[in-house]
PDB file of N, CA and C in Angstrom:
ATOM      1  N   MET A   1      17.474  40.316  42.640  1.00  0.00           N
ATOM      2  CA  MET A   1      17.869  38.994  42.384  1.00  0.00           C
ATOM      3  C   MET A   1      18.743  38.928  41.157  1.00  0.00           C
ATOM      4  N   THR A   2      19.843  38.332  41.218  1.00  0.00           N
ATOM      5  CA  THR A   2      20.735  38.160  40.082  1.00  0.00           C
ATOM      6  C   THR A   2      20.684  36.771  39.574  1.00  0.00           C
ATOM      7  N   ARG A   3      20.861  36.687  38.129  1.00  0.00           N
ATOM      8  CA  ARG A   3      20.849  35.498  37.505  1.00  0.00           C
ATOM      9  C   ARG A   3      22.258  35.023  37.278  1.00  0.00           C
ATOM     10  N   PRO A   4      22.537  33.801  37.411  1.00  0.00           N
ATOM     11  CA  PRO A   4      23.950  33.403  37.075  1.00  0.00           C
ATOM     12  C   PRO A   4      24.262  33.447  35.647  1.00  0.00           C
ATOM     13  N   GLY A   5      25.450  33.828  35.214  1.00  0.00           N
ATOM     14  CA  GLY A   5      25.839  33.941  33.827  1.00  0.00           C
ATOM     15  C   GLY A   5      26.116  32.573  33.313  1.00  0.00           C
ATOM     16  N   PRO A   6      26.424  32.476  31.979  1.00  0.00           N
ATOM     17  CA  PRO A   6      26.752  31.200  31.410  1.00  0.00           C
ATOM     18  C   PRO A   6      28.076  30.623  32.035  1.00  0.00           C
ATOM     19  N   SER A   7      28.286  29.357  32.228  1.00  0.00           N
ATOM     20  CA  SER A   7      29.389  28.776  32.711  1.00  0.00           C
ATOM     21  C   SER A   7      30.468  28.600  31.627  1.00  0.00           C
ATOM     22  N   ALA A   8      31.587  28.272  32.122  1.00  0.00           N
ATOM     23  CA  ALA A   8      32.686  28.058  31.255  1.00  0.00           C
ATOM     24  C   ALA A   8      32.448  26.747  30.403  1.00  0.00           C
ATOM     25  N   GLY A   9      31.668  25.874  30.875  1.00  0.00           N
ATOM     26  CA  GLY A   9      31.384  24.685  30.221  1.00  0.00           C
ATOM     27  C   GLY A   9      30.438  25.088  28.946  1.00  0.00           C
ATOM     28  N   ALA A  10      29.541  25.969  29.134  1.00  0.00           N
ATOM     29  CA  ALA A  10      28.611  26.532  28.175  1.00  0.00           C
ATOM     30  C   ALA A  10      29.413  27.099  27.036  1.00  0.00           C
ATOM     31  N   ALA A  11      30.384  27.968  27.388  1.00  0.00           N
ATOM     32  CA  ALA A  11      31.184  28.545  26.408  1.00  0.00           C
ATOM     33  C   ALA A  11      31.975  27.588  25.562  1.00  0.00           C
ATOM     34  N   GLN A  12      32.492  26.558  26.286  1.00  0.00           N
ATOM     35  CA  GLN A  12      33.219  25.477  25.527  1.00  0.00           C
ATOM     36  C   GLN A  12      32.287  24.767  24.563  1.00  0.00           C
ATOM     37  N   CYS A  13      31.007  24.470  25.014  1.00  0.00           N
ATOM     38  CA  CYS A  13      30.134  23.710  24.103  1.00  0.00           C
ATOM     39  C   CYS A  13      29.771  24.580  22.960  1.00  0.00           C
ATOM     40  N   THR A  14      29.557  25.868  23.112  1.00  0.00           N
ATOM     41  CA  THR A  14      29.229  26.820  22.065  1.00  0.00           C
ATOM     42  C   THR A  14      30.343  26.795  21.031  1.00  0.00           C
ATOM     43  N   GLY A  15      31.613  26.842  21.520  1.00  0.00           N
ATOM     44  CA  GLY A  15      32.807  26.748  20.623  1.00  0.00           C
ATOM     45  C   GLY A  15      32.813  25.397  19.794  1.00  0.00           C
ATOM     46  N   TRP A  16      32.574  24.333  20.504  1.00  0.00           N
ATOM     47  CA  TRP A  16      32.549  23.003  19.852  1.00  0.00           C
ATOM     48  C   TRP A  16      31.457  23.037  18.810  1.00  0.00           C
ATOM     49  N   GLY A  17      30.318  23.453  19.292  1.00  0.00           N
ATOM     50  CA  GLY A  17      29.142  23.459  18.335  1.00  0.00           C
ATOM     51  C   GLY A  17      29.376  24.259  17.088  1.00  0.00           C
ATOM     52  N   ALA A  18      29.915  25.479  17.228  1.00  0.00           N
ATOM     53  CA  ALA A  18      30.160  26.246  16.036  1.00  0.00           C
ATOM     54  C   ALA A  18      31.246  25.678  15.082  1.00  0.00           C
ATOM     55  N   GLY A  19      32.313  25.057  15.724  1.00  0.00           N
ATOM     56  CA  GLY A  19      33.294  24.439  14.866  1.00  0.00           C
ATOM     57  C   GLY A  19      32.892  23.184  14.197  1.00  0.00           C
ATOM     58  N   LEU A  20      31.996  22.448  14.835  1.00  0.00           N
ATOM     59  CA  LEU A  20      31.469  21.193  14.152  1.00  0.00           C
ATOM     60  C   LEU A  20      30.485  21.612  13.108  1.00  0.00           C
ATOM     61  N   ALA A  21      29.699  22.629  13.394  1.00  0.00           N
ATOM     62  CA  ALA A  21      28.731  23.054  12.349  1.00  0.00           C
ATOM     63  C   ALA A  21      29.483  23.689  11.133  1.00  0.00           C
ATOM     64  N   ALA A  22      30.506  24.370  11.387  1.00  0.00           N
ATOM     65  CA  ALA A  22      31.304  24.970  10.380  1.00  0.00           C
ATOM     66  C   ALA A  22      31.942  23.830   9.492  1.00  0.00           C
ATOM     67  N   LEU A  23      32.393  22.803  10.129  1.00  0.00           N
ATOM     68  CA  LEU A  23      33.000  21.646   9.360  1.00  0.00           C
ATOM     69  C   LEU A  23      32.022  21.034   8.494  1.00  0.00           C
ATOM     70  N   VAL A  24      30.813  20.678   8.921  1.00  0.00           N
ATOM     71  CA  VAL A  24      29.796  20.098   8.165  1.00  0.00           C
ATOM     72  C   VAL A  24      29.234  21.015   7.034  1.00  0.00           C
ATOM     73  N   ALA A  25      29.182  22.389   7.350  1.00  0.00           N
ATOM     74  CA  ALA A  25      28.706  23.284   6.289  1.00  0.00           C
ATOM     75  C   ALA A  25      29.856  23.344   5.274  1.00  0.00           C
ATOM     76  N   VAL A  26      31.077  23.424   5.518  1.00  0.00           N
ATOM     77  CA  VAL A  26      32.133  23.520   4.447  1.00  0.00           C
ATOM     78  C   VAL A  26      32.067  22.194   3.612  1.00  0.00           C
ATOM     79  N   CYS A  27      31.932  21.142   4.309  1.00  0.00           N
ATOM     80  CA  CYS A  27      31.938  19.825   3.447  1.00  0.00           C
ATOM     81  C   CYS A  27      30.547  19.801   2.626  1.00  0.00           C
ATOM     82  N   TYR A  28      29.508  20.228   3.134  1.00  0.00           N
ATOM     83  CA  TYR A  28      28.272  20.259   2.392  1.00  0.00           C
ATOM     84  C   TYR A  28      28.354  21.203   1.264  1.00  0.00           C
ATOM     85  N   TYR A  29      28.777  22.389   1.471  1.00  0.00           N
ATOM     86  CA  TYR A  29      28.796  23.343   0.323  1.00  0.00           C
ATOM     87  C   TYR A  29      29.881  22.941  -0.698  1.00  0.00           C
ATOM     88  N   GLY A  30      30.887  22.443  -0.212  1.00  0.00           N
ATOM     89  CA  GLY A  30      31.931  21.837  -1.195  1.00  0.00           C
ATOM     90  C   GLY A  30      31.429  20.823  -2.078  1.00  0.00           C
ATOM     91  N   PHE A  31      30.566  19.869  -1.499  1.00  0.00           N
ATOM     92  CA  PHE A  31      29.870  18.832  -2.291  1.00  0.00           C
ATOM     93  C   PHE A  31      28.808  19.508  -3.251  1.00  0.00           C
ATOM     94  N   LEU A  32      28.124  20.451  -2.756  1.00  0.00           N
ATOM     95  CA  LEU A  32      27.094  21.091  -3.575  1.00  0.00           C
ATOM     96  C   LEU A  32      27.739  21.938  -4.728  1.00  0.00           C
ATOM     97  N   LEU A  33      28.792  22.675  -4.497  1.00  0.00           N
ATOM     98  CA  LEU A  33      29.468  23.407  -5.445  1.00  0.00           C
ATOM     99  C   LEU A  33      30.070  22.398  -6.537  1.00  0.00           C
ATOM    100  N   THR A  34      30.722  21.326  -6.039  1.00  0.00           N
ATOM    101  CA  THR A  34      31.222  20.304  -7.088  1.00  0.00           C
ATOM    102  C   THR A  34      30.135  19.799  -8.001  1.00  0.00           C
ATOM    103  N   GLY A  35      29.029  19.587  -7.425  1.00  0.00           N
ATOM    104  CA  GLY A  35      27.929  19.041  -8.200  1.00  0.00           C
ATOM    105  C   GLY A  35      27.442  20.174  -9.232  1.00  0.00           C
ATOM    106  N   ALA A  36      27.503  21.440  -8.791  1.00  0.00           N
ATOM    107  CA  ALA A  36      26.963  22.447  -9.601  1.00  0.00           C
ATOM    108  C   ALA A  36      27.937  22.792 -10.830  1.00  0.00           C
ATOM    109  N   PHE A  37      29.303  22.815 -10.401  1.00  0.00           N
ATOM    110  CA  PHE A  37      30.269  23.326 -11.387  1.00  0.00           C
ATOM    111  C   PHE A  37      31.154  22.220 -12.063  1.00  0.00           C
ATOM    112  N   ALA A  38      31.190  20.998 -11.461  1.00  0.00           N
ATOM    113  CA  ALA A  38      31.967  19.945 -12.126  1.00  0.00           C
ATOM    114  C   ALA A  38      31.260  18.626 -11.905  1.00  0.00           C
ATOM    115  N   PRO A  39      30.013  18.547 -12.405  1.00  0.00           N
ATOM    116  CA  PRO A  39      29.248  17.277 -12.224  1.00  0.00           C
ATOM    117  C   PRO A  39      29.888  16.032 -12.741  1.00  0.00           C
ATOM    118  N   GLN A  40      30.782  16.238 -13.752  1.00  0.00           N
ATOM    119  CA  GLN A  40      31.391  15.022 -14.337  1.00  0.00           C
ATOM    120  C   GLN A  40      32.318  14.346 -13.318  1.00  0.00           C
ATOM    121  N   LEU A  41      32.926  15.169 -12.247  1.00  0.00           N
ATOM    122  CA  LEU A  41      33.665  14.576 -11.304  1.00  0.00           C
ATOM    123  C   LEU A  41      32.827  13.606 -10.465  1.00  0.00           C
ATOM    124  N   LEU A  42      31.723  13.976 -10.096  1.00  0.00           N
ATOM    125  CA  LEU A  42      30.801  13.202  -9.199  1.00  0.00           C
ATOM    126  C   LEU A  42      30.153  12.083  -9.959  1.00  0.00           C
ATOM    127  N   ALA A  43      30.154  12.103 -11.233  1.00  0.00           N
ATOM    128  CA  ALA A  43      29.510  11.042 -12.066  1.00  0.00           C
ATOM    129  C   ALA A  43      30.458   9.930 -12.298  1.00  0.00           C
ATOM    130  N   ARG A  44      31.733  10.095 -12.116  1.00  0.00           N
ATOM    131  CA  ARG A  44      32.709   9.022 -12.339  1.00  0.00           C
ATOM    132  C   ARG A  44      32.491   7.864 -11.301  1.00  0.00           C
ATOM    133  N   PRO A  45      32.658   6.693 -11.863  1.00  0.00           N
ATOM    134  CA  PRO A  45      32.533   5.500 -10.940  1.00  0.00           C
ATOM    135  C   PRO A  45      33.740   5.427  -9.947  1.00  0.00           C
ATOM    136  N   ALA A  46      33.406   5.163  -8.737  1.00  0.00           N
ATOM    137  CA  ALA A  46      34.403   5.129  -7.590  1.00  0.00           C
ATOM    138  C   ALA A  46      34.757   3.660  -7.371  1.00  0.00           C
ATOM    139  N   VAL A  47      33.777   2.820  -7.100  1.00  0.00           N
ATOM    140  CA  VAL A  47      33.972   1.461  -6.805  1.00  0.00           C
ATOM    141  C   VAL A  47      32.926   0.628  -7.696  1.00  0.00           C
ATOM    142  N   GLY A  48      33.410  -0.051  -8.617  1.00  0.00           N
ATOM    143  CA  GLY A  48      32.526  -0.786  -9.526  1.00  0.00           C
ATOM    144  C   GLY A  48      31.677   0.200 -10.381  1.00  0.00           C
ATOM    145  N   HIS A  49      30.293   0.142 -10.115  1.00  0.00           N
ATOM    146  CA  HIS A  49      29.426   1.032 -10.820  1.00  0.00           C
ATOM    147  C   HIS A  49      28.888   2.081  -9.858  1.00  0.00           C
ATOM    148  N   VAL A  50      29.433   2.329  -8.683  1.00  0.00           N
ATOM    149  CA  VAL A  50      28.879   3.188  -7.778  1.00  0.00           C
ATOM    150  C   VAL A  50      29.645   4.545  -8.024  1.00  0.00           C
ATOM    151  N   PRO A  51      28.827   5.600  -8.230  1.00  0.00           N
ATOM    152  CA  PRO A  51      29.505   6.878  -8.550  1.00  0.00           C
ATOM    153  C   PRO A  51      29.988   7.571  -7.326  1.00  0.00           C
ATOM    154  N   TRP A  52      30.886   8.538  -7.541  1.00  0.00           N
ATOM    155  CA  TRP A  52      31.512   9.393  -6.407  1.00  0.00           C
ATOM    156  C   TRP A  52      30.401  10.117  -5.645  1.00  0.00           C
ATOM    157  N   SER A  53      29.372  10.516  -6.303  1.00  0.00           N
ATOM    158  CA  SER A  53      28.281  11.308  -5.752  1.00  0.00           C
ATOM    159  C   SER A  53      27.699  10.507  -4.666  1.00  0.00           C
ATOM    160  N   PHE A  54      27.435   9.223  -4.892  1.00  0.00           N
ATOM    161  CA  PHE A  54      26.749   8.429  -3.832  1.00  0.00           C
ATOM    162  C   PHE A  54      27.624   8.249  -2.643  1.00  0.00           C
ATOM    163  N   LEU A  55      28.915   7.922  -2.922  1.00  0.00           N
ATOM    164  CA  LEU A  55      29.856   7.702  -1.769  1.00  0.00           C
ATOM    165  C   LEU A  55      30.002   8.988  -0.885  1.00  0.00           C
ATOM    166  N   LEU A  56      30.174  10.096  -1.693  1.00  0.00           N
ATOM    167  CA  LEU A  56      30.417  11.385  -0.943  1.00  0.00           C
ATOM    168  C   LEU A  56      29.216  11.791  -0.161  1.00  0.00           C
ATOM    169  N   GLY A  57      28.010  11.601  -0.803  1.00  0.00           N
ATOM    170  CA  GLY A  57      26.758  11.965  -0.111  1.00  0.00           C
ATOM    171  C   GLY A  57      26.529  11.160   1.120  1.00  0.00           C
ATOM    172  N   ALA A  58      26.842   9.789   1.054  1.00  0.00           N
ATOM    173  CA  ALA A  58      26.651   8.941   2.169  1.00  0.00           C
ATOM    174  C   ALA A  58      27.762   9.269   3.259  1.00  0.00           C
ATOM    175  N   GLY A  59      28.938   9.657   2.831  1.00  0.00           N
ATOM    176  CA  GLY A  59      29.909  10.148   3.736  1.00  0.00           C
ATOM    177  C   GLY A  59      29.567  11.445   4.481  1.00  0.00           C
ATOM    178  N   LEU A  60      28.886  12.300   3.792  1.00  0.00           N
ATOM    179  CA  LEU A  60      28.465  13.545   4.352  1.00  0.00           C
ATOM    180  C   LEU A  60      27.360  13.288   5.419  1.00  0.00           C
ATOM    181  N   LEU A  61      26.436  12.400   5.100  1.00  0.00           N
ATOM    182  CA  LEU A  61      25.500  12.001   6.120  1.00  0.00           C
ATOM    183  C   LEU A  61      26.170  11.385   7.342  1.00  0.00           C
ATOM    184  N   LEU A  62      27.151  10.527   7.207  1.00  0.00           N
ATOM    185  CA  LEU A  62      27.838  10.015   8.333  1.00  0.00           C
ATOM    186  C   LEU A  62      28.591  10.981   9.000  1.00  0.00           C
ATOM    187  N   LEU A  63      29.162  11.934   8.360  1.00  0.00           N
ATOM    188  CA  LEU A  63      29.912  13.081   9.068  1.00  0.00           C
ATOM    189  C   LEU A  63      28.929  13.824   9.968  1.00  0.00           C
ATOM    190  N   ALA A  64      27.729  14.164   9.457  1.00  0.00           N
ATOM    191  CA  ALA A  64      26.703  14.855  10.233  1.00  0.00           C
ATOM    192  C   ALA A  64      26.293  14.130  11.465  1.00  0.00           C
ATOM    193  N   VAL A  65      26.113  12.793  11.322  1.00  0.00           N
ATOM    194  CA  VAL A  65      25.726  12.001  12.481  1.00  0.00           C
ATOM    195  C   VAL A  65      26.929  11.898  13.535  1.00  0.00           C
ATOM    196  N   LEU A  66      28.068  11.719  13.051  1.00  0.00           N
ATOM    197  CA  LEU A  66      29.212  11.659  13.880  1.00  0.00           C
ATOM    198  C   LEU A  66      29.554  12.947  14.661  1.00  0.00           C
ATOM    199  N   THR A  67      29.409  14.054  14.005  1.00  0.00           N
ATOM    200  CA  THR A  67      29.606  15.428  14.605  1.00  0.00           C
ATOM    201  C   THR A  67      28.484  15.666  15.624  1.00  0.00           C
ATOM    202  N   THR A  68      27.294  15.192  15.391  1.00  0.00           N
ATOM    203  CA  THR A  68      26.191  15.409  16.264  1.00  0.00           C
ATOM    204  C   THR A  68      26.468  14.599  17.556  1.00  0.00           C
ATOM    205  N   GLY A  69      26.797  13.323  17.403  1.00  0.00           N
ATOM    206  CA  GLY A  69      27.244  12.485  18.549  1.00  0.00           C
ATOM    207  C   GLY A  69      28.330  13.055  19.318  1.00  0.00           C
ATOM    208  N   LEU A  70      29.422  13.565  18.651  1.00  0.00           N
ATOM    209  CA  LEU A  70      30.480  14.129  19.369  1.00  0.00           C
ATOM    210  C   LEU A  70      30.107  15.347  20.112  1.00  0.00           C
ATOM    211  N   TYR A  71      29.274  16.238  19.566  1.00  0.00           N
ATOM    212  CA  TYR A  71      28.753  17.347  20.260  1.00  0.00           C
ATOM    213  C   TYR A  71      28.001  16.941  21.504  1.00  0.00           C
ATOM    214  N   VAL A  72      27.094  15.952  21.412  1.00  0.00           N
ATOM    215  CA  VAL A  72      26.359  15.495  22.569  1.00  0.00           C
ATOM    216  C   VAL A  72      27.264  14.963  23.691  1.00  0.00           C
ATOM    217  N   LEU A  73      28.258  14.183  23.274  1.00  0.00           N
ATOM    218  CA  LEU A  73      29.182  13.722  24.325  1.00  0.00           C
ATOM    219  C   LEU A  73      29.919  14.863  25.003  1.00  0.00           C
ATOM    220  N   VAL A  74      30.330  15.802  24.329  1.00  0.00           N
ATOM    221  CA  VAL A  74      31.075  16.989  24.839  1.00  0.00           C
ATOM    222  C   VAL A  74      30.168  17.796  25.727  1.00  0.00           C
ATOM    223  N   SER A  75      28.942  17.970  25.223  1.00  0.00           N
ATOM    224  CA  SER A  75      27.914  18.786  25.966  1.00  0.00           C
ATOM    225  C   SER A  75      27.563  18.087  27.303  1.00  0.00           C
ATOM    226  N   ASN A  76      27.287  16.879  27.216  1.00  0.00           N
ATOM    227  CA  ASN A  76      26.906  16.137  28.429  1.00  0.00           C
ATOM    228  C   ASN A  76      28.035  16.085  29.496  1.00  0.00           C
ATOM    229  N   ALA A  77      29.255  15.851  28.967  1.00  0.00           N
ATOM    230  CA  ALA A  77      30.409  15.906  29.874  1.00  0.00           C
ATOM    231  C   ALA A  77      30.501  17.212  30.573  1.00  0.00           C
ATOM    232  N   ALA A  78      30.337  18.334  29.878  1.00  0.00           N
ATOM    233  CA  ALA A  78      30.397  19.632  30.479  1.00  0.00           C
ATOM    234  C   ALA A  78      29.311  19.888  31.435  1.00  0.00           C
ATOM    235  N   ASP A  79      28.048  19.308  31.118  1.00  0.00           N
ATOM    236  CA  ASP A  79      26.996  19.420  32.114  1.00  0.00           C
ATOM    237  C   ASP A  79      27.261  18.697  33.386  1.00  0.00           C
ATOM    238  N   ASP A  80      27.836  17.516  33.229  1.00  0.00           N
ATOM    239  CA  ASP A  80      28.157  16.675  34.371  1.00  0.00           C
ATOM    240  C   ASP A  80      29.153  17.307  35.296  1.00  0.00           C
ATOM    241  N   ARG A  81      30.162  17.927  34.597  1.00  0.00           N
ATOM    242  CA  ARG A  81      31.194  18.635  35.450  1.00  0.00           C
ATOM    243  C   ARG A  81      30.627  19.885  36.143  1.00  0.00           C
ATOM    244  N   ALA A  82      29.736  20.552  35.482  1.00  0.00           N
ATOM    245  CA  ALA A  82      29.112  21.787  36.085  1.00  0.00           C
ATOM    246  C   ALA A  82      28.127  21.345  37.286  1.00  0.00           C
ATOM    247  N   GLU A  83      27.492  20.233  37.199  1.00  0.00           N
ATOM    248  CA  GLU A  83      26.715  19.738  38.279  1.00  0.00           C
ATOM    249  C   GLU A  83      27.516  19.254  39.504  1.00  0.00           C
ATOM    250  N   ARG A  84      28.686  18.664  39.209  1.00  0.00           N
ATOM    251  CA  ARG A  84      29.632  18.177  40.329  1.00  0.00           C
ATOM    252  C   ARG A  84      30.169  19.405  41.026  1.00  0.00           C
ATOM    253  N   CYS A  85      30.458  20.498  40.281  1.00  0.00           N
ATOM    254  CA  CYS A  85      31.093  21.697  40.885  1.00  0.00           C
ATOM    255  C   CYS A  85      30.085  22.496  41.643  1.00  0.00           C
ATOM    256  N   ALA A  86      28.818  22.346  41.425  1.00  0.00           N
ATOM    257  CA  ALA A  86      27.781  23.284  41.932  1.00  0.00           C
ATOM    258  C   ALA A  86      27.479  22.789  43.354  1.00  0.00           C
TER     259      ALA A  86
END
């Protein structure tokens, strides 16, 4: 008995997942390294009395949520196409 291999949709989702994870990781480590080596940049006020660190941290969280949602959409669309073709 043979097992079917991964579909083309699965390979596409793996590529999307790796790319989105790399994007979030680069942004996160950039934020982390900026805080470690140039904290004065993050301490400056951006809007009123709100520092850049708060805005960039909130943006990083939003980026993670949006990339997760995008991956779910792409993955579900690939699964739906695979079911229609089967």
